[in-house]
Amino acid sequence: MGDAGEGLIDADARIQELADEREAARRERRAPKPQIDPIKHAEITSLKLGLSELRRQLDATEHPVRQKQLKAAVADVEKRLAKLEPANSKR
């Protein structure tokens, strides 16, 4: 008979867990979400992809003039990214 009592306690604990999860979900839905500018987000994504391609090319090239060009391009893209991204987030 002790097993039946344990089952009820487990069921009550699970019911309370579900109620807590639902309450947390409700609070999350009500909380205002930061507005994301889709154009700015697309520009950041594009710059990050371009930056990764420039770095790949820089790693692959051996010609000093091309390396200089790529380093300048990487610096420019990093500067543009720094202006667009929020100060507290990092790549």
C-alpha atoms as a PDB file:
ATOM      1  CA  MET A   1       0.000   0.000   0.000  1.00  0.00           C
ATOM      2  CA  GLY A   2       2.970   2.291   0.442  1.00  0.00           C
ATOM      3  CA  ASP A   3       3.645   2.103  -3.293  1.00  0.00           C
ATOM      4  CA  ALA A   4       0.268   3.651  -4.124  1.00  0.00           C
ATOM      5  CA  GLY A   5       1.039   6.619  -1.879  1.00  0.00           C
ATOM      6  CA  GLU A   6       4.384   7.135  -3.583  1.00  0.00           C
ATOM      7  CA  GLY A   7       2.646   7.123  -6.960  1.00  0.00           C
ATOM      8  CA  LEU A   8       0.295   9.874  -5.831  1.00  0.00           C
ATOM      9  CA  ILE A   9       3.183  11.964  -4.524  1.00  0.00           C
ATOM     10  CA  ASP A  10       5.035  11.505  -7.833  1.00  0.00           C
ATOM     11  CA  ALA A  11       1.902  12.466  -9.779  1.00  0.00           C
ATOM     12  CA  ASP A  12       1.411  15.587  -7.639  1.00  0.00           C
ATOM     13  CA  ALA A  13       5.033  16.569  -8.155  1.00  0.00           C
ATOM     14  CA  ARG A  14       4.676  16.112 -11.921  1.00  0.00           C
ATOM     15  CA  ILE A  15       1.471  18.155 -11.989  1.00  0.00           C
ATOM     16  CA  GLN A  16       3.218  20.958 -10.103  1.00  0.00           C
ATOM     17  CA  GLU A  17       6.171  20.766 -12.520  1.00  0.00           C
ATOM     18  CA  LEU A  18       3.847  21.114 -15.510  1.00  0.00           C
ATOM     19  CA  ALA A  19       2.054  24.048 -13.892  1.00  0.00           C
ATOM     20  CA  ASP A  20       5.397  25.767 -13.254  1.00  0.00           C
ATOM     21  CA  GLU A  21       6.503  25.178 -16.857  1.00  0.00           C
ATOM     22  CA  ARG A  22       3.244  26.610 -18.200  1.00  0.00           C
ATOM     23  CA  GLU A  23       3.534  29.674 -15.972  1.00  0.00           C
ATOM     24  CA  ALA A  24       7.102  30.251 -17.136  1.00  0.00           C
ATOM     25  CA  ALA A  25       5.968  29.930 -20.770  1.00  0.00           C
ATOM     26  CA  ARG A  26       3.178  32.461 -20.146  1.00  0.00           C
ATOM     27  CA  ARG A  27       5.630  34.935 -18.611  1.00  0.00           C
ATOM     28  CA  GLU A  28       7.996  34.481 -21.537  1.00  0.00           C
ATOM     29  CA  ARG A  29       5.233  35.146 -24.082  1.00  0.00           C
ATOM     30  CA  ARG A  30       4.155  38.314 -22.245  1.00  0.00           C
ATOM     31  CA  ALA A  31       7.672  39.720 -21.948  1.00  0.00           C
ATOM     32  CA  PRO A  32       8.466  42.206 -24.689  1.00  0.00           C
ATOM     33  CA  LYS A  33      10.980  40.856 -27.144  1.00  0.00           C
ATOM     34  CA  PRO A  34      13.650  43.101 -28.591  1.00  0.00           C
ATOM     35  CA  GLN A  35      12.809  44.264 -32.083  1.00  0.00           C
ATOM     36  CA  ILE A  36      15.272  43.008 -34.667  1.00  0.00           C
ATOM     37  CA  ASP A  37      15.716  45.105 -37.774  1.00  0.00           C
ATOM     38  CA  PRO A  38      15.628  42.540 -40.603  1.00  0.00           C
ATOM     39  CA  ILE A  39      17.687  44.725 -42.938  1.00  0.00           C
ATOM     40  CA  LYS A  40      20.390  45.267 -40.329  1.00  0.00           C
ATOM     41  CA  HIS A  41      20.364  41.552 -39.467  1.00  0.00           C
ATOM     42  CA  ALA A  42      20.754  40.632 -43.145  1.00  0.00           C
ATOM     43  CA  GLU A  43      23.625  43.096 -43.548  1.00  0.00           C
ATOM     44  CA  ILE A  44      25.423  41.701 -40.496  1.00  0.00           C
ATOM     45  CA  THR A  45      24.963  38.150 -41.736  1.00  0.00           C
ATOM     46  CA  SER A  46      26.251  39.094 -45.176  1.00  0.00           C
ATOM     47  CA  LEU A  47      29.300  40.842 -43.734  1.00  0.00           C
ATOM     48  CA  LYS A  48      30.111  37.851 -41.526  1.00  0.00           C
ATOM     49  CA  LEU A  49      29.910  35.499 -44.498  1.00  0.00           C
ATOM     50  CA  GLY A  50      32.077  37.801 -46.577  1.00  0.00           C
ATOM     51  CA  LEU A  51      34.573  38.090 -43.748  1.00  0.00           C
ATOM     52  CA  SER A  52      34.897  34.332 -43.462  1.00  0.00           C
ATOM     53  CA  GLU A  53      35.487  34.088 -47.228  1.00  0.00           C
ATOM     54  CA  LEU A  54      38.127  36.841 -47.123  1.00  0.00           C
ATOM     55  CA  ARG A  55      39.914  35.088 -44.270  1.00  0.00           C
ATOM     56  CA  ARG A  56      39.811  31.801 -46.170  1.00  0.00           C
ATOM     57  CA  GLN A  57      41.353  33.491 -49.208  1.00  0.00           C
ATOM     58  CA  LEU A  58      43.965  35.192 -47.040  1.00  0.00           C
ATOM     59  CA  ASP A  59      44.998  31.845 -45.572  1.00  0.00           C
ATOM     60  CA  ALA A  60      45.227  30.300 -49.037  1.00  0.00           C
ATOM     61  CA  THR A  61      47.177  33.011 -50.849  1.00  0.00           C
ATOM     62  CA  GLU A  62      50.933  33.362 -50.899  1.00  0.00           C
ATOM     63  CA  HIS A  63      51.321  36.453 -53.082  1.00  0.00           C
ATOM     64  CA  PRO A  64      52.324  39.426 -50.885  1.00  0.00           C
ATOM     65  CA  VAL A  65      50.363  42.033 -52.860  1.00  0.00           C
ATOM     66  CA  ARG A  66      47.190  39.928 -52.718  1.00  0.00           C
ATOM     67  CA  GLN A  67      47.734  39.327 -48.990  1.00  0.00           C
ATOM     68  CA  LYS A  68      47.976  43.084 -48.469  1.00  0.00           C
ATOM     69  CA  GLN A  69      44.710  43.606 -50.384  1.00  0.00           C
ATOM     70  CA  LEU A  70      42.939  40.907 -48.426  1.00  0.00           C
ATOM     71  CA  LYS A  71      44.187  42.230 -45.079  1.00  0.00           C
ATOM     72  CA  ALA A  72      42.842  45.672 -45.970  1.00  0.00           C
ATOM     73  CA  ALA A  73      39.502  44.152 -46.981  1.00  0.00           C
ATOM     74  CA  VAL A  74      39.300  42.145 -43.740  1.00  0.00           C
ATOM     75  CA  ALA A  75      40.018  45.271 -41.692  1.00  0.00           C
ATOM     76  CA  ASP A  76      37.333  47.210 -43.572  1.00  0.00           C
ATOM     77  CA  VAL A  77      34.698  44.505 -43.083  1.00  0.00           C
ATOM     78  CA  GLU A  78      35.583  44.163 -39.386  1.00  0.00           C
ATOM     79  CA  LYS A  79      35.205  47.933 -38.968  1.00  0.00           C
ATOM     80  CA  ARG A  80      31.806  47.877 -40.682  1.00  0.00           C
ATOM     81  CA  LEU A  81      30.695  44.955 -38.507  1.00  0.00           C
ATOM     82  CA  ALA A  82      31.790  46.771 -35.352  1.00  0.00           C
ATOM     83  CA  LYS A  83      29.556  49.706 -36.286  1.00  0.00           C
ATOM     84  CA  LEU A  84      26.526  47.480 -36.904  1.00  0.00           C
ATOM     85  CA  GLU A  85      26.751  44.982 -34.078  1.00  0.00           C
ATOM     86  CA  PRO A  86      25.668  45.886 -30.562  1.00  0.00           C
ATOM     87  CA  ALA A  87      28.605  46.606 -28.273  1.00  0.00           C
ATOM     88  CA  ASN A  88      27.879  43.695 -25.919  1.00  0.00           C
ATOM     89  CA  SER A  89      27.649  40.917 -28.517  1.00  0.00           C
ATOM     90  CA  LYS A  90      30.653  39.300 -30.096  1.00  0.00           C
ATOM     91  CA  ARG A  91      30.986  37.220 -33.269  1.00  0.00           C
END
